[in-house]
C-alpha atoms as a PDB file:
ATOM      1  CA  UNK A   1      40.530 -40.915 -22.604  1.00  0.00           C
ATOM      2  CA  UNK A   2      37.666 -39.676 -20.819  1.00  0.00           C
ATOM      3  CA  UNK A   3      38.233 -42.148 -17.997  1.00  0.00           C
ATOM      4  CA  UNK A   4      41.602 -41.182 -17.138  1.00  0.00           C
ATOM      5  CA  UNK A   5      40.577 -37.744 -17.108  1.00  0.00           C
ATOM      6  CA  UNK A   6      38.047 -38.393 -14.498  1.00  0.00           C
ATOM      7  CA  UNK A   7      40.906 -40.758 -12.503  1.00  0.00           C
ATOM      8  CA  UNK A   8      43.125 -38.208 -12.826  1.00  0.00           C
ATOM      9  CA  UNK A   9      40.341 -35.771 -10.996  1.00  0.00           C
ATOM     10  CA  UNK A  10      39.565 -37.618  -8.419  1.00  0.00           C
ATOM     11  CA  UNK A  11      43.295 -38.624  -7.457  1.00  0.00           C
ATOM     12  CA  UNK A  12      43.789 -34.690  -7.195  1.00  0.00           C
ATOM     13  CA  UNK A  13      41.024 -34.501  -4.910  1.00  0.00           C
ATOM     14  CA  UNK A  14      42.297 -37.307  -2.710  1.00  0.00           C
ATOM     15  CA  UNK A  15      45.693 -35.535  -2.320  1.00  0.00           C
ATOM     16  CA  UNK A  16      44.257 -31.935  -1.139  1.00  0.00           C
ATOM     17  CA  UNK A  17      41.175 -32.693   0.800  1.00  0.00           C
ATOM     18  CA  UNK A  18      41.405 -29.481   2.563  1.00  0.00           C
ATOM     19  CA  UNK A  19      41.497 -27.302  -0.820  1.00  0.00           C
ATOM     20  CA  UNK A  20      38.653 -29.514  -2.441  1.00  0.00           C
ATOM     21  CA  UNK A  21      36.423 -28.708   0.648  1.00  0.00           C
ATOM     22  CA  UNK A  22      37.029 -25.001   0.687  1.00  0.00           C
ATOM     23  CA  UNK A  23      36.379 -24.929  -2.628  1.00  0.00           C
ATOM     24  CA  UNK A  24      33.263 -26.973  -2.627  1.00  0.00           C
ATOM     25  CA  UNK A  25      31.671 -24.862  -0.047  1.00  0.00           C
ATOM     26  CA  UNK A  26      32.498 -22.162  -1.806  1.00  0.00           C
ATOM     27  CA  UNK A  27      30.879 -23.331  -4.959  1.00  0.00           C
ATOM     28  CA  UNK A  28      27.689 -23.978  -2.612  1.00  0.00           C
ATOM     29  CA  UNK A  29      27.724 -20.688  -0.862  1.00  0.00           C
ATOM     30  CA  UNK A  30      28.206 -18.752  -4.298  1.00  0.00           C
ATOM     31  CA  UNK A  31      25.427 -20.990  -5.917  1.00  0.00           C
ATOM     32  CA  UNK A  32      23.078 -20.179  -2.744  1.00  0.00           C
ATOM     33  CA  UNK A  33      23.691 -16.469  -3.130  1.00  0.00           C
ATOM     34  CA  UNK A  34      22.655 -16.104  -6.330  1.00  0.00           C
ATOM     35  CA  UNK A  35      19.458 -18.335  -6.164  1.00  0.00           C
ATOM     36  CA  UNK A  36      18.477 -16.220  -2.597  1.00  0.00           C
ATOM     37  CA  UNK A  37      19.215 -13.036  -5.126  1.00  0.00           C
ATOM     38  CA  UNK A  38      17.317 -14.088  -7.824  1.00  0.00           C
ATOM     39  CA  UNK A  39      14.198 -14.801  -6.131  1.00  0.00           C
ATOM     40  CA  UNK A  40      14.035 -11.779  -4.064  1.00  0.00           C
ATOM     41  CA  UNK A  41      14.954  -9.466  -7.133  1.00  0.00           C
ATOM     42  CA  UNK A  42      12.325 -11.700  -9.085  1.00  0.00           C
ATOM     43  CA  UNK A  43       9.876 -11.215  -6.002  1.00  0.00           C
ATOM     44  CA  UNK A  44      10.251  -7.510  -6.145  1.00  0.00           C
ATOM     45  CA  UNK A  45       9.416  -7.268  -9.654  1.00  0.00           C
ATOM     46  CA  UNK A  46       6.036  -8.604  -9.138  1.00  0.00           C
ATOM     47  CA  UNK A  47       4.897  -5.996  -6.372  1.00  0.00           C
ATOM     48  CA  UNK A  48       2.096  -4.214  -7.064  1.00  0.00           C
ATOM     49  CA  UNK A  49       1.642  -5.817 -10.572  1.00  0.00           C
ATOM     50  CA  UNK A  50      -1.541  -6.871  -9.941  1.00  0.00           C
ATOM     51  CA  UNK A  51      -3.059  -3.623 -10.621  1.00  0.00           C
ATOM     52  CA  UNK A  52      -4.739  -2.917 -14.044  1.00  0.00           C
ATOM     53  CA  UNK A  53      -3.295   0.466 -14.080  1.00  0.00           C
ATOM     54  CA  UNK A  54       0.055  -0.036 -12.443  1.00  0.00           C
ATOM     55  CA  UNK A  55       1.322   2.186 -14.856  1.00  0.00           C
ATOM     56  CA  UNK A  56      -0.600   5.317 -13.729  1.00  0.00           C
ATOM     57  CA  UNK A  57      -0.561   4.985 -10.300  1.00  0.00           C
ATOM     58  CA  UNK A  58       1.797   7.193  -8.297  1.00  0.00           C
ATOM     59  CA  UNK A  59       2.285   8.197  -4.800  1.00  0.00           C
ATOM     60  CA  UNK A  60       2.250  12.305  -4.264  1.00  0.00           C
ATOM     61  CA  UNK A  61       5.238  13.146  -1.964  1.00  0.00           C
ATOM     62  CA  UNK A  62       7.170  15.717  -0.785  1.00  0.00           C
ATOM     63  CA  UNK A  63      10.650  15.536  -0.991  1.00  0.00           C
ATOM     64  CA  UNK A  64      11.497  14.737   2.566  1.00  0.00           C
ATOM     65  CA  UNK A  65       8.108  13.255   3.379  1.00  0.00           C
ATOM     66  CA  UNK A  66       6.007  10.388   2.125  1.00  0.00           C
ATOM     67  CA  UNK A  67       3.007  11.486   3.704  1.00  0.00           C
ATOM     68  CA  UNK A  68       0.970  14.897   3.270  1.00  0.00           C
ATOM     69  CA  UNK A  69      -1.946  16.794   4.762  1.00  0.00           C
ATOM     70  CA  UNK A  70      -5.537  15.572   4.424  1.00  0.00           C
ATOM     71  CA  UNK A  71      -6.366  18.238   1.809  1.00  0.00           C
ATOM     72  CA  UNK A  72      -3.655  17.353  -0.800  1.00  0.00           C
ATOM     73  CA  UNK A  73      -5.294  14.673  -2.569  1.00  0.00           C
ATOM     74  CA  UNK A  74      -8.371  16.464  -3.293  1.00  0.00           C
ATOM     75  CA  UNK A  75      -6.764  19.756  -3.961  1.00  0.00           C
ATOM     76  CA  UNK A  76      -4.748  18.090  -6.863  1.00  0.00           C
ATOM     77  CA  UNK A  77      -7.604  16.257  -8.027  1.00  0.00           C
ATOM     78  CA  UNK A  78      -9.626  19.110  -8.557  1.00  0.00           C
ATOM     79  CA  UNK A  79      -7.310  21.540  -9.853  1.00  0.00           C
ATOM     80  CA  UNK A  80      -4.892  19.913 -11.926  1.00  0.00           C
ATOM     81  CA  UNK A  81      -6.192  18.415 -15.073  1.00  0.00           C
ATOM     82  CA  UNK A  82      -3.442  15.387 -15.422  1.00  0.00           C
ATOM     83  CA  UNK A  83      -4.720  13.983 -12.060  1.00  0.00           C
ATOM     84  CA  UNK A  84      -7.879  11.603 -12.855  1.00  0.00           C
ATOM     85  CA  UNK A  85      -8.481  10.090  -9.097  1.00  0.00           C
ATOM     86  CA  UNK A  86      -6.906  10.873  -5.834  1.00  0.00           C
ATOM     87  CA  UNK A  87      -7.229   8.497  -2.659  1.00  0.00           C
ATOM     88  CA  UNK A  88      -6.022   9.299   0.637  1.00  0.00           C
ATOM     89  CA  UNK A  89      -4.924   6.566   3.019  1.00  0.00           C
ATOM     90  CA  UNK A  90      -3.828   6.701   6.686  1.00  0.00           C
ATOM     91  CA  UNK A  91      -1.827   3.718   8.028  1.00  0.00           C
ATOM     92  CA  UNK A  92      -2.788   4.278  11.731  1.00  0.00           C
ATOM     93  CA  UNK A  93      -0.123   4.334  14.553  1.00  0.00           C
ATOM     94  CA  UNK A  94      -2.301   3.097  17.137  1.00  0.00           C
ATOM     95  CA  UNK A  95      -3.382  -0.771  17.446  1.00  0.00           C
ATOM     96  CA  UNK A  96      -6.326  -2.128  16.221  1.00  0.00           C
ATOM     97  CA  UNK A  97      -8.952  -3.315  18.549  1.00  0.00           C
ATOM     98  CA  UNK A  98     -11.971  -5.194  17.294  1.00  0.00           C
ATOM     99  CA  UNK A  99     -14.643  -7.030  18.812  1.00  0.00           C
ATOM    100  CA  UNK A 100     -17.134  -9.649  16.978  1.00  0.00           C
ATOM    101  CA  UNK A 101     -20.141 -10.541  19.156  1.00  0.00           C
ATOM    102  CA  UNK A 102     -18.369 -11.698  22.403  1.00  0.00           C
ATOM    103  CA  UNK A 103     -14.795 -12.440  20.884  1.00  0.00           C
ATOM    104  CA  UNK A 104     -12.068  -9.510  21.077  1.00  0.00           C
ATOM    105  CA  UNK A 105      -9.313  -9.139  18.306  1.00  0.00           C
ATOM    106  CA  UNK A 106      -5.982  -7.289  17.845  1.00  0.00           C
ATOM    107  CA  UNK A 107      -5.130  -7.038  14.319  1.00  0.00           C
ATOM    108  CA  UNK A 108      -2.789  -5.205  12.138  1.00  0.00           C
ATOM    109  CA  UNK A 109      -2.354  -3.783   8.647  1.00  0.00           C
ATOM    110  CA  UNK A 110      -6.024  -1.927   8.956  1.00  0.00           C
ATOM    111  CA  UNK A 111      -6.047   1.337   6.900  1.00  0.00           C
ATOM    112  CA  UNK A 112      -8.411   3.876   6.201  1.00  0.00           C
ATOM    113  CA  UNK A 113      -8.807   5.518   2.775  1.00  0.00           C
ATOM    114  CA  UNK A 114     -11.140   7.340   0.388  1.00  0.00           C
ATOM    115  CA  UNK A 115     -14.178   5.621  -1.992  1.00  0.00           C
ATOM    116  CA  UNK A 116     -11.793   5.875  -5.065  1.00  0.00           C
ATOM    117  CA  UNK A 117      -8.757   3.676  -3.528  1.00  0.00           C
ATOM    118  CA  UNK A 118     -10.713   0.638  -4.984  1.00  0.00           C
ATOM    119  CA  UNK A 119     -10.948   2.449  -8.066  1.00  0.00           C
ATOM    120  CA  UNK A 120      -7.146   3.222  -8.390  1.00  0.00           C
ATOM    121  CA  UNK A 121      -6.272  -0.110  -6.997  1.00  0.00           C
ATOM    122  CA  UNK A 122      -7.189  -3.138  -8.527  1.00  0.00           C
ATOM    123  CA  UNK A 123      -8.415  -5.145  -5.487  1.00  0.00           C
ATOM    124  CA  UNK A 124     -10.681  -8.161  -6.608  1.00  0.00           C
ATOM    125  CA  UNK A 125     -14.127  -7.761  -4.708  1.00  0.00           C
ATOM    126  CA  UNK A 126     -15.725 -11.537  -3.824  1.00  0.00           C
ATOM    127  CA  UNK A 127     -18.971  -9.308  -2.560  1.00  0.00           C
ATOM    128  CA  UNK A 128     -20.165  -5.905  -2.400  1.00  0.00           C
ATOM    129  CA  UNK A 129     -18.926  -3.009  -4.983  1.00  0.00           C
ATOM    130  CA  UNK A 130     -15.634  -1.621  -5.467  1.00  0.00           C
ATOM    131  CA  UNK A 131     -17.393   1.662  -6.234  1.00  0.00           C
ATOM    132  CA  UNK A 132     -19.574   2.138  -3.222  1.00  0.00           C
ATOM    133  CA  UNK A 133     -18.270  -0.026  -0.727  1.00  0.00           C
ATOM    134  CA  UNK A 134     -16.464   2.901   1.282  1.00  0.00           C
ATOM    135  CA  UNK A 135     -18.746   5.567   0.404  1.00  0.00           C
ATOM    136  CA  UNK A 136     -20.664   5.592   3.644  1.00  0.00           C
ATOM    137  CA  UNK A 137     -19.297   6.303   7.171  1.00  0.00           C
ATOM    138  CA  UNK A 138     -18.788   2.916   9.582  1.00  0.00           C
ATOM    139  CA  UNK A 139     -17.798   1.130   6.587  1.00  0.00           C
ATOM    140  CA  UNK A 140     -15.129  -1.622   6.402  1.00  0.00           C
ATOM    141  CA  UNK A 141     -14.002  -3.908   3.908  1.00  0.00           C
ATOM    142  CA  UNK A 142     -12.143  -7.154   4.813  1.00  0.00           C
ATOM    143  CA  UNK A 143      -9.841  -9.428   3.087  1.00  0.00           C
ATOM    144  CA  UNK A 144     -11.320 -12.972   2.737  1.00  0.00           C
ATOM    145  CA  UNK A 145      -9.176 -14.602   5.294  1.00  0.00           C
ATOM    146  CA  UNK A 146     -10.063 -12.041   7.829  1.00  0.00           C
ATOM    147  CA  UNK A 147     -13.684 -12.387   6.743  1.00  0.00           C
ATOM    148  CA  UNK A 148     -13.445 -16.229   7.257  1.00  0.00           C
ATOM    149  CA  UNK A 149     -11.807 -15.474  10.549  1.00  0.00           C
ATOM    150  CA  UNK A 150     -14.384 -13.337  11.936  1.00  0.00           C
ATOM    151  CA  UNK A 151     -17.592 -14.804  10.506  1.00  0.00           C
ATOM    152  CA  UNK A 152     -16.713 -18.447   9.382  1.00  0.00           C
ATOM    153  CA  UNK A 153     -18.789 -19.854   6.329  1.00  0.00           C
ATOM    154  CA  UNK A 154     -21.273 -16.874   7.073  1.00  0.00           C
ATOM    155  CA  UNK A 155     -22.192 -14.341   4.781  1.00  0.00           C
ATOM    156  CA  UNK A 156     -20.162 -11.515   6.242  1.00  0.00           C
ATOM    157  CA  UNK A 157     -22.192  -8.515   4.141  1.00  0.00           C
ATOM    158  CA  UNK A 158     -24.027  -6.665   6.591  1.00  0.00           C
ATOM    159  CA  UNK A 159     -22.402  -7.971   9.560  1.00  0.00           C
ATOM    160  CA  UNK A 160     -21.299  -5.391  12.247  1.00  0.00           C
ATOM    161  CA  UNK A 161     -18.126  -5.125  14.494  1.00  0.00           C
ATOM    162  CA  UNK A 162     -17.125  -2.652  16.941  1.00  0.00           C
ATOM    163  CA  UNK A 163     -13.544  -1.059  16.618  1.00  0.00           C
ATOM    164  CA  UNK A 164     -11.643   0.797  19.072  1.00  0.00           C
ATOM    165  CA  UNK A 165     -14.176  -0.028  21.866  1.00  0.00           C
ATOM    166  CA  UNK A 166     -17.060   1.875  20.581  1.00  0.00           C
ATOM    167  CA  UNK A 167     -17.171   2.349  16.846  1.00  0.00           C
ATOM    168  CA  UNK A 168     -19.741   0.357  15.274  1.00  0.00           C
ATOM    169  CA  UNK A 169     -18.565  -0.856  11.683  1.00  0.00           C
ATOM    170  CA  UNK A 170     -20.627  -2.478   8.956  1.00  0.00           C
ATOM    171  CA  UNK A 171     -19.132  -4.855   6.596  1.00  0.00           C
ATOM    172  CA  UNK A 172     -19.649  -3.832   3.005  1.00  0.00           C
ATOM    173  CA  UNK A 173     -17.278  -5.649   0.917  1.00  0.00           C
ATOM    174  CA  UNK A 174     -14.887  -8.732   0.702  1.00  0.00           C
ATOM    175  CA  UNK A 175     -11.707  -8.661  -1.164  1.00  0.00           C
ATOM    176  CA  UNK A 176      -9.561 -11.666  -2.144  1.00  0.00           C
ATOM    177  CA  UNK A 177      -6.232 -11.508   0.194  1.00  0.00           C
ATOM    178  CA  UNK A 178      -3.646  -8.801  -1.069  1.00  0.00           C
ATOM    179  CA  UNK A 179      -1.417 -10.183  -3.743  1.00  0.00           C
ATOM    180  CA  UNK A 180       2.391  -8.927  -3.188  1.00  0.00           C
ATOM    181  CA  UNK A 181       1.993  -5.627  -2.496  1.00  0.00           C
ATOM    182  CA  UNK A 182       3.940  -2.253  -1.115  1.00  0.00           C
ATOM    183  CA  UNK A 183       0.849  -1.544   1.039  1.00  0.00           C
ATOM    184  CA  UNK A 184      -0.451  -4.574   3.184  1.00  0.00           C
ATOM    185  CA  UNK A 185      -4.070  -4.886   4.031  1.00  0.00           C
ATOM    186  CA  UNK A 186      -6.046  -7.043   6.047  1.00  0.00           C
ATOM    187  CA  UNK A 187      -9.000  -4.557   6.068  1.00  0.00           C
ATOM    188  CA  UNK A 188      -9.749  -0.819   4.822  1.00  0.00           C
ATOM    189  CA  UNK A 189     -11.822   1.638   6.712  1.00  0.00           C
ATOM    190  CA  UNK A 190     -14.038   4.159   4.713  1.00  0.00           C
ATOM    191  CA  UNK A 191     -12.088   7.815   5.149  1.00  0.00           C
ATOM    192  CA  UNK A 192     -15.153   9.528   6.291  1.00  0.00           C
ATOM    193  CA  UNK A 193     -15.367   7.290   9.394  1.00  0.00           C
ATOM    194  CA  UNK A 194     -12.040   9.210  10.713  1.00  0.00           C
ATOM    195  CA  UNK A 195     -14.298  12.473  11.245  1.00  0.00           C
ATOM    196  CA  UNK A 196     -15.421  10.063  14.588  1.00  0.00           C
ATOM    197  CA  UNK A 197     -12.613   7.819  15.126  1.00  0.00           C
ATOM    198  CA  UNK A 198      -9.728  10.770  15.135  1.00  0.00           C
ATOM    199  CA  UNK A 199     -11.485  14.424  14.900  1.00  0.00           C
ATOM    200  CA  UNK A 200     -14.302  13.902  17.473  1.00  0.00           C
ATOM    201  CA  UNK A 201     -16.581  14.446  14.770  1.00  0.00           C
ATOM    202  CA  UNK A 202     -15.264  17.411  13.474  1.00  0.00           C
ATOM    203  CA  UNK A 203     -15.279  17.646   9.607  1.00  0.00           C
ATOM    204  CA  UNK A 204     -12.721  20.545   9.036  1.00  0.00           C
ATOM    205  CA  UNK A 205      -9.587  18.433   9.452  1.00  0.00           C
ATOM    206  CA  UNK A 206     -10.685  15.566   6.910  1.00  0.00           C
ATOM    207  CA  UNK A 207      -9.375  18.218   4.340  1.00  0.00           C
ATOM    208  CA  UNK A 208      -7.061  20.729   5.320  1.00  0.00           C
ATOM    209  CA  UNK A 209      -3.732  21.798   3.639  1.00  0.00           C
ATOM    210  CA  UNK A 210      -1.710  22.631   7.274  1.00  0.00           C
ATOM    211  CA  UNK A 211      -1.412  20.194  10.224  1.00  0.00           C
ATOM    212  CA  UNK A 212       0.284  16.881  10.565  1.00  0.00           C
ATOM    213  CA  UNK A 213       1.431  14.994   7.541  1.00  0.00           C
ATOM    214  CA  UNK A 214      -0.109  11.421   8.023  1.00  0.00           C
ATOM    215  CA  UNK A 215      -1.820  10.563   5.011  1.00  0.00           C
ATOM    216  CA  UNK A 216      -0.255   8.667   1.915  1.00  0.00           C
ATOM    217  CA  UNK A 217      -1.629  10.165  -1.334  1.00  0.00           C
ATOM    218  CA  UNK A 218      -1.901   8.287  -4.167  1.00  0.00           C
ATOM    219  CA  UNK A 219      -2.908   9.324  -7.616  1.00  0.00           C
ATOM    220  CA  UNK A 220      -4.191   7.818 -10.801  1.00  0.00           C
ATOM    221  CA  UNK A 221      -2.682   9.778 -13.989  1.00  0.00           C
ATOM    222  CA  UNK A 222      -5.045  10.454 -16.824  1.00  0.00           C
ATOM    223  CA  UNK A 223      -3.902   8.183 -19.769  1.00  0.00           C
ATOM    224  CA  UNK A 224      -0.710   9.357 -21.819  1.00  0.00           C
ATOM    225  CA  UNK A 225       0.408  11.741 -18.955  1.00  0.00           C
ATOM    226  CA  UNK A 226       3.924  12.697 -18.490  1.00  0.00           C
ATOM    227  CA  UNK A 227       5.209  13.797 -14.911  1.00  0.00           C
ATOM    228  CA  UNK A 228       8.283  15.294 -16.175  1.00  0.00           C
ATOM    229  CA  UNK A 229      10.059  18.236 -14.856  1.00  0.00           C
ATOM    230  CA  UNK A 230       7.461  20.778 -16.737  1.00  0.00           C
ATOM    231  CA  UNK A 231       4.713  18.889 -14.966  1.00  0.00           C
ATOM    232  CA  UNK A 232       6.378  18.878 -11.446  1.00  0.00           C
ATOM    233  CA  UNK A 233       6.764  22.736 -12.002  1.00  0.00           C
ATOM    234  CA  UNK A 234       3.652  23.293 -12.481  1.00  0.00           C
ATOM    235  CA  UNK A 235       2.130  21.345  -9.823  1.00  0.00           C
ATOM    236  CA  UNK A 236       4.443  23.028  -7.352  1.00  0.00           C
ATOM    237  CA  UNK A 237       3.372  26.543  -8.656  1.00  0.00           C
ATOM    238  CA  UNK A 238       0.025  25.877  -7.861  1.00  0.00           C
ATOM    239  CA  UNK A 239       0.359  25.322  -4.211  1.00  0.00           C
ATOM    240  CA  UNK A 240       2.503  28.367  -4.083  1.00  0.00           C
ATOM    241  CA  UNK A 241       0.397  30.860  -1.930  1.00  0.00           C
ATOM    242  CA  UNK A 242      -1.537  28.234  -0.411  1.00  0.00           C
ATOM    243  CA  UNK A 243      -0.912  27.448   3.474  1.00  0.00           C
ATOM    244  CA  UNK A 244       1.377  26.486   4.528  1.00  0.00           C
ATOM    245  CA  UNK A 245       3.353  27.538   1.172  1.00  0.00           C
ATOM    246  CA  UNK A 246       3.224  31.570   1.861  1.00  0.00           C
ATOM    247  CA  UNK A 247       5.953  34.023   3.064  1.00  0.00           C
ATOM    248  CA  UNK A 248       8.463  32.545   0.365  1.00  0.00           C
ATOM    249  CA  UNK A 249       8.052  28.863   1.439  1.00  0.00           C
ATOM    250  CA  UNK A 250       8.426  26.855  -1.721  1.00  0.00           C
ATOM    251  CA  UNK A 251       6.741  23.379  -2.183  1.00  0.00           C
ATOM    252  CA  UNK A 252       8.522  20.235  -3.439  1.00  0.00           C
ATOM    253  CA  UNK A 253       5.989  17.763  -4.659  1.00  0.00           C
ATOM    254  CA  UNK A 254       6.627  14.995  -7.072  1.00  0.00           C
ATOM    255  CA  UNK A 255       5.165  12.045  -8.044  1.00  0.00           C
ATOM    256  CA  UNK A 256       6.544   8.794  -7.226  1.00  0.00           C
ATOM    257  CA  UNK A 257       5.729   5.845  -9.585  1.00  0.00           C
ATOM    258  CA  UNK A 258       4.606   2.392  -8.102  1.00  0.00           C
END
C-alpha cells in the first residue's frame, strides 16, 4: 500500500515539474525564514541577561530623549528613596585615538562612566576591583580582548596609554569581553576624567540639571520597588521648580527597564 502511494507521489512530481519546483522553493524559503526569525528572537531574549540585577536595572529617560543632563543621576540617587544607585554613561561622539608606547590605535565603543557602573552591571573582572576601578581620574578598564591587543601577555594593570593625544590614562581593571548587551563596551574610562577631556578642568559641568542631554542615566532600584504610575508622578514632582523645569515647564521622566 505504502509503495503505491510513494510511486503515485513521484509520478505526480514528474507530471508537473514547474509547480513542484515552486512548491519546493516556497517550502525552503518558509523554513529558512522561520529559522532566521527564531534565532533573532532567541538572541534578543538573551540581551543583558548576564546581569545579576537584570530585573532591577532601569534607564531613566524623558519622553522624547533617552539621554539626560549630567546632574539628573546624582539628583535621583540622593533624593528618591526607591533608587539605590545611579550611573551616568557617556557614549562619545568623537573618535577614540589611543597611543600605547609607539603604536597608534583608533578604537570604538569606549565609554565614560561613574564608579557605580560596575556595581549596577555585572561585568566579570579578571583583574582589578569593580568597586574602585573607576574611582580615580584618568582610570581606564579594558576588555580582555583589548588588553591583549594593547599589551599582549603582559599584565595590563598599572600600564599607561595616551588618550586623545594628551590624556595619560592608567589601566585599573580588565573585564571579560562583554556578552550580548545593548551597551557595547571595549573600554570604560572613569567619569571624573571628563573634567579634563571635555570641560577643560571645570567641575561645574560634571553635575548640572541644565545644558546638553548627553548622558545615559542608569539606576539600580531597591528590592521590591515598583515603578508604577504613582512613582512616576512622584519622580516628576521632585523636579518641578528645579532648572530647567521652571515657569510651568513640566518634566516627563520615566523608567525604562532593560
